[in-house]
Amino acid sequence: MKKRRMEIDGILEKLRQFKNDPRYSDRLYAIAENIKFVEAMKSLPRYLWWLLTRAPKIDGARLLELTDFPVEEWDVKFVKK
């Protein structure tokens, strides 16, 4: 459980770095929605709440997957496995 929490915290840290980086200002919506999603992954009740209340309102055309960000670690973890 501790490893999972550390991974979530690491993802959140990188997303917040992207949020504060002016090079990604055109992706702020996607970054904010990913932050909300990753925060929700911290527990099952949070995730279910996100799934029922937030997920239906997301603009899929403006959303990006984590692997769309330039983080090699995410590519390895989420795609190559």
C-alpha atoms as a PDB file:
ATOM      1  CA  MET A   1       0.000   0.000   0.000  1.00  0.00           C
ATOM      2  CA  LYS A   2       2.863   2.338   0.785  1.00  0.00           C
ATOM      3  CA  LYS A   3       4.425   1.751  -2.641  1.00  0.00           C
ATOM      4  CA  ARG A   4       1.116   2.553  -4.360  1.00  0.00           C
ATOM      5  CA  ARG A   5       0.765   5.762  -2.357  1.00  0.00           C
ATOM      6  CA  MET A   6       4.326   6.768  -3.254  1.00  0.00           C
ATOM      7  CA  GLU A   7       3.598   6.163  -6.943  1.00  0.00           C
ATOM      8  CA  ILE A   8       0.436   8.279  -6.736  1.00  0.00           C
ATOM      9  CA  ASP A   9       2.314  11.063  -4.957  1.00  0.00           C
ATOM     10  CA  GLY A  10       5.028  10.929  -7.629  1.00  0.00           C
ATOM     11  CA  ILE A  11       2.465  11.233 -10.420  1.00  0.00           C
ATOM     12  CA  LEU A  12       0.810  14.166  -8.651  1.00  0.00           C
ATOM     13  CA  GLU A  13       4.152  15.904  -8.203  1.00  0.00           C
ATOM     14  CA  LYS A  14       4.960  15.629 -11.911  1.00  0.00           C
ATOM     15  CA  LEU A  15       1.473  16.787 -12.939  1.00  0.00           C
ATOM     16  CA  ARG A  16       1.813  19.829 -10.677  1.00  0.00           C
ATOM     17  CA  GLN A  17       5.159  20.588 -12.296  1.00  0.00           C
ATOM     18  CA  PHE A  18       3.473  20.516 -15.715  1.00  0.00           C
ATOM     19  CA  LYS A  19       0.692  22.751 -14.349  1.00  0.00           C
ATOM     20  CA  ASN A  20       3.253  25.367 -13.318  1.00  0.00           C
ATOM     21  CA  ASP A  21       5.305  25.114 -16.507  1.00  0.00           C
ATOM     22  CA  PRO A  22       4.315  27.783 -19.067  1.00  0.00           C
ATOM     23  CA  ARG A  23       5.142  25.381 -21.912  1.00  0.00           C
ATOM     24  CA  TYR A  24       2.056  23.386 -20.945  1.00  0.00           C
ATOM     25  CA  SER A  25      -0.360  26.290 -20.531  1.00  0.00           C
ATOM     26  CA  ASP A  26      -2.444  24.983 -23.438  1.00  0.00           C
ATOM     27  CA  ARG A  27      -2.973  21.717 -21.554  1.00  0.00           C
ATOM     28  CA  LEU A  28      -4.123  23.085 -18.200  1.00  0.00           C
ATOM     29  CA  TYR A  29      -7.585  21.527 -18.453  1.00  0.00           C
ATOM     30  CA  ALA A  30      -6.135  18.071 -19.076  1.00  0.00           C
ATOM     31  CA  ILE A  31      -3.585  18.494 -16.307  1.00  0.00           C
ATOM     32  CA  ALA A  32      -6.232  19.628 -13.806  1.00  0.00           C
ATOM     33  CA  GLU A  33      -8.524  16.725 -14.684  1.00  0.00           C
ATOM     34  CA  ASN A  34      -5.677  14.241 -14.387  1.00  0.00           C
ATOM     35  CA  ILE A  35      -4.794  15.665 -10.974  1.00  0.00           C
ATOM     36  CA  LYS A  36      -8.401  15.181  -9.850  1.00  0.00           C
ATOM     37  CA  PHE A  37      -8.374  11.624 -11.210  1.00  0.00           C
ATOM     38  CA  VAL A  38      -5.075  10.685  -9.563  1.00  0.00           C
ATOM     39  CA  GLU A  39      -6.209  12.231  -6.263  1.00  0.00           C
ATOM     40  CA  ALA A  40      -9.312  10.041  -6.537  1.00  0.00           C
ATOM     41  CA  MET A  41      -7.151   6.942  -6.954  1.00  0.00           C
ATOM     42  CA  LYS A  42      -5.969   7.289  -3.362  1.00  0.00           C
ATOM     43  CA  SER A  43      -8.934   5.276  -2.096  1.00  0.00           C
ATOM     44  CA  LEU A  44     -11.903   3.338  -3.394  1.00  0.00           C
ATOM     45  CA  PRO A  45     -14.507   5.722  -1.900  1.00  0.00           C
ATOM     46  CA  ARG A  46     -12.740   8.730  -3.456  1.00  0.00           C
ATOM     47  CA  TYR A  47     -12.553   6.966  -6.807  1.00  0.00           C
ATOM     48  CA  LEU A  48     -16.218   6.006  -6.748  1.00  0.00           C
ATOM     49  CA  TRP A  49     -17.179   9.576  -5.858  1.00  0.00           C
ATOM     50  CA  TRP A  50     -15.014  10.875  -8.747  1.00  0.00           C
ATOM     51  CA  LEU A  51     -16.494   8.275 -11.104  1.00  0.00           C
ATOM     52  CA  LEU A  52     -20.082   9.212 -10.276  1.00  0.00           C
ATOM     53  CA  THR A  53     -19.755  12.985  -9.935  1.00  0.00           C
ATOM     54  CA  ARG A  54     -16.755  14.203 -11.942  1.00  0.00           C
ATOM     55  CA  ALA A  55     -16.147  11.698 -14.723  1.00  0.00           C
ATOM     56  CA  PRO A  56     -19.477  12.308 -16.520  1.00  0.00           C
ATOM     57  CA  LYS A  57     -18.674  16.025 -16.795  1.00  0.00           C
ATOM     58  CA  ILE A  58     -15.218  15.665 -18.320  1.00  0.00           C
ATOM     59  CA  ASP A  59     -14.699  17.075 -21.815  1.00  0.00           C
ATOM     60  CA  GLY A  60     -13.030  14.100 -23.481  1.00  0.00           C
ATOM     61  CA  ALA A  61     -11.881  16.194 -26.436  1.00  0.00           C
ATOM     62  CA  ARG A  62      -9.657  18.228 -24.105  1.00  0.00           C
ATOM     63  CA  LEU A  63      -8.400  15.333 -22.014  1.00  0.00           C
ATOM     64  CA  LEU A  64      -4.959  13.728 -22.230  1.00  0.00           C
ATOM     65  CA  GLU A  65      -3.771  10.397 -20.905  1.00  0.00           C
ATOM     66  CA  LEU A  66      -0.795  10.325 -18.572  1.00  0.00           C
ATOM     67  CA  THR A  67       1.262   8.727 -21.333  1.00  0.00           C
ATOM     68  CA  ASP A  68       0.636  11.811 -23.490  1.00  0.00           C
ATOM     69  CA  PHE A  69       2.984  13.730 -21.191  1.00  0.00           C
ATOM     70  CA  PRO A  70       6.748  13.494 -21.734  1.00  0.00           C
ATOM     71  CA  VAL A  71       7.538  11.204 -18.797  1.00  0.00           C
ATOM     72  CA  GLU A  72       9.447   8.110 -19.862  1.00  0.00           C
ATOM     73  CA  GLU A  73       8.680   6.413 -16.549  1.00  0.00           C
ATOM     74  CA  TRP A  74       4.952   6.612 -17.319  1.00  0.00           C
ATOM     75  CA  ASP A  75       5.459   5.178 -20.796  1.00  0.00           C
ATOM     76  CA  VAL A  76       7.313   2.210 -19.347  1.00  0.00           C
ATOM     77  CA  LYS A  77       4.846   1.655 -16.516  1.00  0.00           C
ATOM     78  CA  PHE A  78       1.567   2.158 -18.365  1.00  0.00           C
ATOM     79  CA  VAL A  79       2.308   1.111 -21.941  1.00  0.00           C
ATOM     80  CA  LYS A  80       5.114  -1.396 -22.089  1.00  0.00           C
ATOM     81  CA  LYS A  81       3.800  -3.636 -19.295  1.00  0.00           C
END
